[in-house]
Amino acid sequence: MTKCEPGGSWRCALQMSAAVVLVLFATGCLHRHKTTPASRVPPPAPAPTSAGRVPATPPQPTPTPATPAPAAPIVQGERGIASWYGYPYHGRATSSGEIYNMYAMTAAHRTLPFGTEVRVHDLENGRDVTVRINDRGPFVEGRIIDLSYAAAQAMGMNGVAQVWLELLGLGPTTVPGIFAVQIGAFSDRHNAERLKALLGTQYGPVIIQAYERADGTFYRVRVGSESSEDAARQLAQKLLAANLAVETFVVRMN
């Protein structure tokens, strides 16, 4: 830079001012060249899309519907003794809730679903009759079906007969069966209550059902709530082994 001596002319001062402006200009240009070009500035981050968002709560798996329990197997071709019943049960409620009509073609069975159609074949005279199950019974050892009065007359039965059962169609219900074991029937309810107390809850629920017979009211003691006939038969064996019954009958409760 040009130096002006003291007392120099105004020209010298003007030259020094021009030199200072030139230095400032050069300095300003240098700072601008160091600024990051716009092309190198990173673009702003894009807003996240719904596909990239992490849900606040992970999706829960859809529960698989529970598979209904299979219906108990039905025995085809069952053989045994058939009996019949009429008066004084005529006009009374059956186990299904239907009013018993001794002149209708119906029957009682211990385990077949209500509404099941059965053809009963008499092994003694070769005749047969078709009936609908709407009641429970018979509760006599060896007997497998109790026919209405009309059905027995149609098959030519005077008392009991050896028969075999042909199942034509099960009842409309799809509800799995619930089976219990009947271990006694008492004319005195106190005896039924004592047996119930003796059993407690060791073998499952115990219920007492009143039933009108020709010779009066009887109180049936039934034990358990099993999902199959086989399980109910096993329960019956346990009750016999424990000397809690001398005779047992597996019966469907629904």
Protein backbone atom coordinates (compact mmCIF):
# COMPACT_ATOMS: atom_id res chain seq x y z
CA MET A 1 0.00 0.00 0.00
CA THR A 2 1.22 3.53 -0.81
CA LYS A 3 2.30 5.48 2.23
CA CYS A 4 1.62 9.22 2.51
CA GLU A 5 4.11 11.25 4.33
CA PRO A 6 2.91 13.83 6.78
CA GLY A 7 1.91 16.93 5.04
CA GLY A 8 1.38 15.05 1.77
CA SER A 9 -1.05 16.23 -0.84
CA TRP A 10 -4.77 15.31 -1.07
CA ARG A 11 -3.95 13.04 -4.00
CA CYS A 12 -2.02 10.77 -1.69
CA ALA A 13 -5.00 10.52 0.73
CA LEU A 14 -7.34 9.67 -2.13
CA GLN A 15 -5.03 6.88 -3.32
CA MET A 16 -5.00 5.37 0.18
CA SER A 17 -8.82 5.38 0.42
CA ALA A 18 -9.11 3.59 -2.91
CA ALA A 19 -6.67 0.96 -1.76
CA VAL A 20 -8.75 0.26 1.41
CA VAL A 21 -11.98 -0.16 -0.61
CA LEU A 22 -10.22 -2.59 -2.94
CA VAL A 23 -9.08 -4.74 0.01
CA LEU A 24 -12.61 -4.85 1.52
CA PHE A 25 -14.12 -5.84 -1.81
CA ALA A 26 -11.64 -8.66 -2.24
CA THR A 27 -12.35 -9.90 1.28
CA GLY A 28 -16.12 -9.94 0.69
CA CYS A 29 -15.72 -11.98 -2.48
CA LEU A 30 -13.59 -14.49 -0.65
CA HIS A 31 -16.35 -15.12 1.98
CA ARG A 32 -18.96 -15.62 -0.74
CA HIS A 33 -16.89 -18.30 -2.45
CA LYS A 34 -16.65 -20.24 0.82
CA THR A 35 -20.48 -20.39 1.19
CA THR A 36 -21.91 -23.87 0.46
CA PRO A 37 -23.55 -23.92 -2.98
CA ALA A 38 -27.33 -24.41 -3.01
CA SER A 39 -26.91 -27.58 -5.04
CA ARG A 40 -25.02 -29.20 -2.13
CA VAL A 41 -27.54 -28.38 0.60
CA PRO A 42 -29.32 -31.66 1.55
CA PRO A 43 -33.08 -31.55 0.81
CA PRO A 44 -35.45 -31.65 3.80
CA ALA A 45 -36.44 -35.14 4.94
CA PRO A 46 -39.76 -36.21 3.40
CA ALA A 47 -42.74 -36.59 5.72
CA PRO A 48 -43.21 -40.23 6.73
CA THR A 49 -45.92 -42.10 4.88
CA SER A 50 -48.50 -44.37 6.52
CA ALA A 51 -46.64 -47.39 5.12
CA GLY A 52 -43.49 -46.41 6.96
CA ARG A 53 -45.07 -45.56 10.30
CA VAL A 54 -44.67 -47.99 13.19
CA PRO A 55 -48.09 -48.67 14.74
CA ALA A 56 -48.44 -47.67 18.35
CA THR A 57 -49.85 -51.13 19.21
CA PRO A 58 -48.76 -54.25 17.31
CA PRO A 59 -51.68 -55.97 15.56
CA GLN A 60 -53.12 -58.83 17.58
CA PRO A 61 -53.66 -62.22 15.91
CA THR A 62 -57.27 -63.08 15.16
CA PRO A 63 -58.41 -65.75 17.65
CA THR A 64 -59.28 -69.09 16.11
CA PRO A 65 -62.87 -70.11 16.88
CA ALA A 66 -63.06 -73.04 19.26
CA THR A 67 -63.91 -76.34 17.61
CA PRO A 68 -67.19 -77.69 19.01
CA ALA A 69 -66.95 -80.96 20.80
CA PRO A 70 -67.91 -83.88 18.57
CA ALA A 71 -71.24 -85.53 19.19
CA ALA A 72 -71.19 -88.86 21.00
CA PRO A 73 -71.13 -91.89 18.70
CA ILE A 74 -74.54 -93.50 18.16
CA VAL A 75 -74.91 -97.27 18.38
CA GLN A 76 -76.59 -98.80 15.32
CA GLY A 77 -78.25 -102.19 15.64
CA GLU A 78 -78.64 -102.16 19.44
CA ARG A 79 -80.28 -105.34 20.75
CA GLY A 80 -82.22 -105.96 23.94
CA ILE A 81 -85.68 -106.04 25.47
CA ALA A 82 -88.48 -103.64 24.51
CA SER A 83 -91.32 -102.81 26.88
CA TRP A 84 -94.18 -100.33 26.67
CA TYR A 85 -96.00 -97.79 28.83
CA GLY A 86 -99.39 -96.12 28.64
CA TYR A 87 -101.80 -95.12 31.40
CA PRO A 88 -101.30 -93.36 33.87
CA TYR A 89 -98.46 -91.55 32.04
CA HIS A 90 -100.83 -90.37 29.33
CA GLY A 91 -101.11 -86.56 29.49
CA ARG A 92 -97.99 -86.07 31.63
CA ALA A 93 -94.80 -84.30 30.60
CA THR A 94 -92.00 -86.43 29.18
CA SER A 95 -88.29 -85.81 29.77
CA SER A 96 -88.18 -83.74 26.58
CA GLY A 97 -90.97 -81.50 27.88
CA GLU A 98 -93.44 -82.85 25.34
CA ILE A 99 -96.76 -84.11 26.71
CA TYR A 100 -96.94 -87.87 26.47
CA ASN A 101 -99.64 -89.23 24.17
CA MET A 102 -99.99 -93.00 24.52
CA TYR A 103 -101.72 -93.13 21.11
CA ALA A 104 -98.79 -91.49 19.25
CA MET A 105 -95.91 -93.46 17.73
CA THR A 106 -93.24 -92.50 20.23
CA ALA A 107 -90.79 -94.19 22.59
CA ALA A 108 -88.35 -93.64 25.45
CA HIS A 109 -84.61 -94.36 25.21
CA ARG A 110 -81.89 -93.61 27.75
CA THR A 111 -79.26 -92.06 25.45
CA LEU A 112 -80.57 -91.36 21.93
CA PRO A 113 -81.13 -87.65 21.14
CA PHE A 114 -84.72 -86.45 21.32
CA GLY A 115 -86.38 -86.53 17.91
CA THR A 116 -84.42 -89.55 16.66
CA GLU A 117 -86.43 -91.80 14.34
CA VAL A 118 -86.04 -95.52 15.14
CA ARG A 119 -87.43 -98.62 13.45
CA VAL A 120 -87.94 -101.31 16.09
CA HIS A 121 -87.67 -104.88 14.76
CA ASP A 122 -89.36 -107.62 16.80
CA LEU A 123 -87.07 -110.66 16.72
CA GLU A 124 -89.91 -112.94 17.86
CA ASN A 125 -92.69 -112.23 15.36
CA GLY A 126 -90.78 -110.46 12.58
CA ARG A 127 -92.88 -107.31 12.73
CA ASP A 128 -91.54 -103.77 13.05
CA VAL A 129 -92.70 -100.26 13.89
CA THR A 130 -91.19 -96.78 13.47
CA VAL A 131 -91.18 -94.46 16.48
CA ARG A 132 -89.78 -91.08 17.50
CA ILE A 133 -87.76 -90.71 20.73
CA ASN A 134 -89.27 -88.11 23.07
CA ASP A 135 -88.68 -89.55 26.55
CA ARG A 136 -86.03 -91.20 28.74
CA GLY A 137 -86.12 -94.79 29.94
CA PRO A 138 -86.62 -97.65 30.58
CA PHE A 139 -84.73 -97.91 33.87
CA VAL A 140 -84.84 -101.69 34.13
CA GLU A 141 -81.76 -103.84 33.56
CA GLY A 142 -81.69 -105.40 30.08
CA ARG A 143 -84.39 -103.17 28.58
CA ILE A 144 -83.30 -100.77 25.84
CA ILE A 145 -86.52 -99.05 24.70
CA ASP A 146 -89.98 -98.26 26.09
CA LEU A 147 -92.64 -98.03 23.38
CA SER A 148 -95.86 -96.08 23.57
CA TYR A 149 -99.06 -98.09 23.91
CA ALA A 150 -99.93 -97.49 20.25
CA ALA A 151 -96.48 -98.56 19.01
CA ALA A 152 -96.60 -101.75 21.09
CA GLN A 153 -100.06 -102.58 19.71
CA ALA A 154 -98.88 -101.97 16.14
CA MET A 155 -95.99 -104.42 16.63
CA GLY A 156 -98.19 -107.03 18.31
CA MET A 157 -96.53 -106.80 21.75
CA ASN A 158 -98.49 -108.00 24.74
CA GLY A 159 -95.73 -107.57 27.32
CA VAL A 160 -92.04 -107.40 26.43
CA ALA A 161 -90.16 -108.55 23.33
CA GLN A 162 -86.63 -109.13 22.09
CA VAL A 163 -85.86 -106.43 19.51
CA TRP A 164 -83.10 -104.72 17.58
CA LEU A 165 -83.05 -101.02 16.76
CA GLU A 166 -82.48 -99.53 13.31
CA LEU A 167 -81.68 -95.81 13.43
CA LEU A 168 -83.36 -93.94 10.57
CA GLY A 169 -82.34 -90.40 11.43
CA LEU A 170 -81.03 -88.53 14.41
CA GLY A 171 -82.92 -85.70 16.02
CA PRO A 172 -82.50 -82.11 14.77
CA THR A 173 -80.36 -81.05 17.73
CA THR A 174 -76.62 -80.51 17.20
CA VAL A 175 -75.88 -79.87 20.86
CA PRO A 176 -73.22 -82.27 22.22
CA GLY A 177 -74.66 -84.79 24.64
CA ILE A 178 -74.32 -84.52 28.42
CA PHE A 179 -74.47 -87.86 30.22
CA ALA A 180 -74.98 -88.81 33.85
CA VAL A 181 -75.27 -92.03 35.82
CA GLN A 182 -78.50 -92.88 37.62
CA ILE A 183 -77.68 -94.85 40.76
CA GLY A 184 -81.01 -95.02 42.53
CA ALA A 185 -84.70 -94.10 42.63
CA PHE A 186 -86.42 -93.66 45.98
CA SER A 187 -90.03 -93.19 47.00
CA ASP A 188 -88.78 -91.30 50.09
CA ARG A 189 -86.96 -88.08 49.18
CA HIS A 190 -84.98 -88.17 52.44
CA ASN A 191 -83.25 -91.34 51.25
CA ALA A 192 -82.31 -89.61 48.00
CA GLU A 193 -80.96 -86.63 49.93
CA ARG A 194 -78.86 -88.88 52.19
CA LEU A 195 -77.30 -90.59 49.17
CA LYS A 196 -76.56 -87.21 47.60
CA ALA A 197 -74.83 -86.06 50.80
CA LEU A 198 -72.80 -89.28 50.92
CA LEU A 199 -71.54 -88.72 47.37
CA GLY A 200 -70.62 -85.09 47.98
CA THR A 201 -68.74 -83.65 44.99
CA GLN A 202 -66.18 -86.42 44.63
CA TYR A 203 -67.81 -87.83 41.49
CA GLY A 204 -69.14 -84.61 40.03
CA PRO A 205 -72.48 -82.85 40.43
CA VAL A 206 -75.35 -84.83 41.96
CA ILE A 207 -78.94 -83.99 41.15
CA ILE A 208 -82.29 -85.35 42.34
CA GLN A 209 -85.15 -85.50 39.85
CA ALA A 210 -88.75 -86.17 40.83
CA TYR A 211 -90.59 -88.58 38.55
CA GLU A 212 -94.24 -89.64 38.56
CA ARG A 213 -94.68 -93.38 38.21
CA ALA A 214 -97.79 -95.51 38.23
CA ASP A 215 -97.15 -96.37 41.87
CA GLY A 216 -96.33 -92.84 43.06
CA THR A 217 -93.61 -90.21 42.98
CA PHE A 218 -90.01 -91.41 42.89
CA TYR A 219 -86.80 -89.43 43.30
CA ARG A 220 -83.97 -90.32 40.94
CA VAL A 221 -80.37 -89.69 41.99
CA ARG A 222 -78.08 -88.92 39.06
CA VAL A 223 -74.34 -88.34 39.24
CA GLY A 224 -71.87 -86.63 36.90
CA SER A 225 -71.93 -84.47 33.81
CA GLU A 226 -69.91 -86.31 31.17
CA SER A 227 -69.39 -85.44 27.51
CA SER A 228 -69.65 -89.01 26.21
CA GLU A 229 -71.34 -92.30 26.99
CA ASP A 230 -67.95 -93.98 27.44
CA ALA A 231 -66.94 -91.49 30.11
CA ALA A 232 -70.28 -92.00 31.87
CA ARG A 233 -69.81 -95.79 31.78
CA GLN A 234 -66.39 -95.40 33.37
CA LEU A 235 -67.96 -93.26 36.08
CA ALA A 236 -70.60 -95.96 36.62
CA GLN A 237 -67.83 -98.52 37.18
CA LYS A 238 -66.19 -96.29 39.78
CA LEU A 239 -69.48 -95.88 41.64
CA LEU A 240 -70.06 -99.65 41.64
CA ALA A 241 -66.51 -100.32 42.81
CA ALA A 242 -67.01 -97.85 45.69
CA ASN A 243 -70.22 -99.69 46.71
CA LEU A 244 -72.27 -96.55 46.13
CA ALA A 245 -74.71 -98.33 43.82
CA VAL A 246 -75.90 -101.82 43.05
CA GLU A 247 -77.42 -100.92 39.69
CA THR A 248 -76.50 -98.08 37.33
CA PHE A 249 -77.97 -96.58 34.16
CA VAL A 250 -76.21 -94.18 31.82
CA VAL A 251 -78.71 -91.52 30.74
CA ARG A 252 -78.46 -88.55 28.39
CA MET A 253 -79.51 -85.36 30.18
CA ASN A 254 -80.32 -83.25 27.10
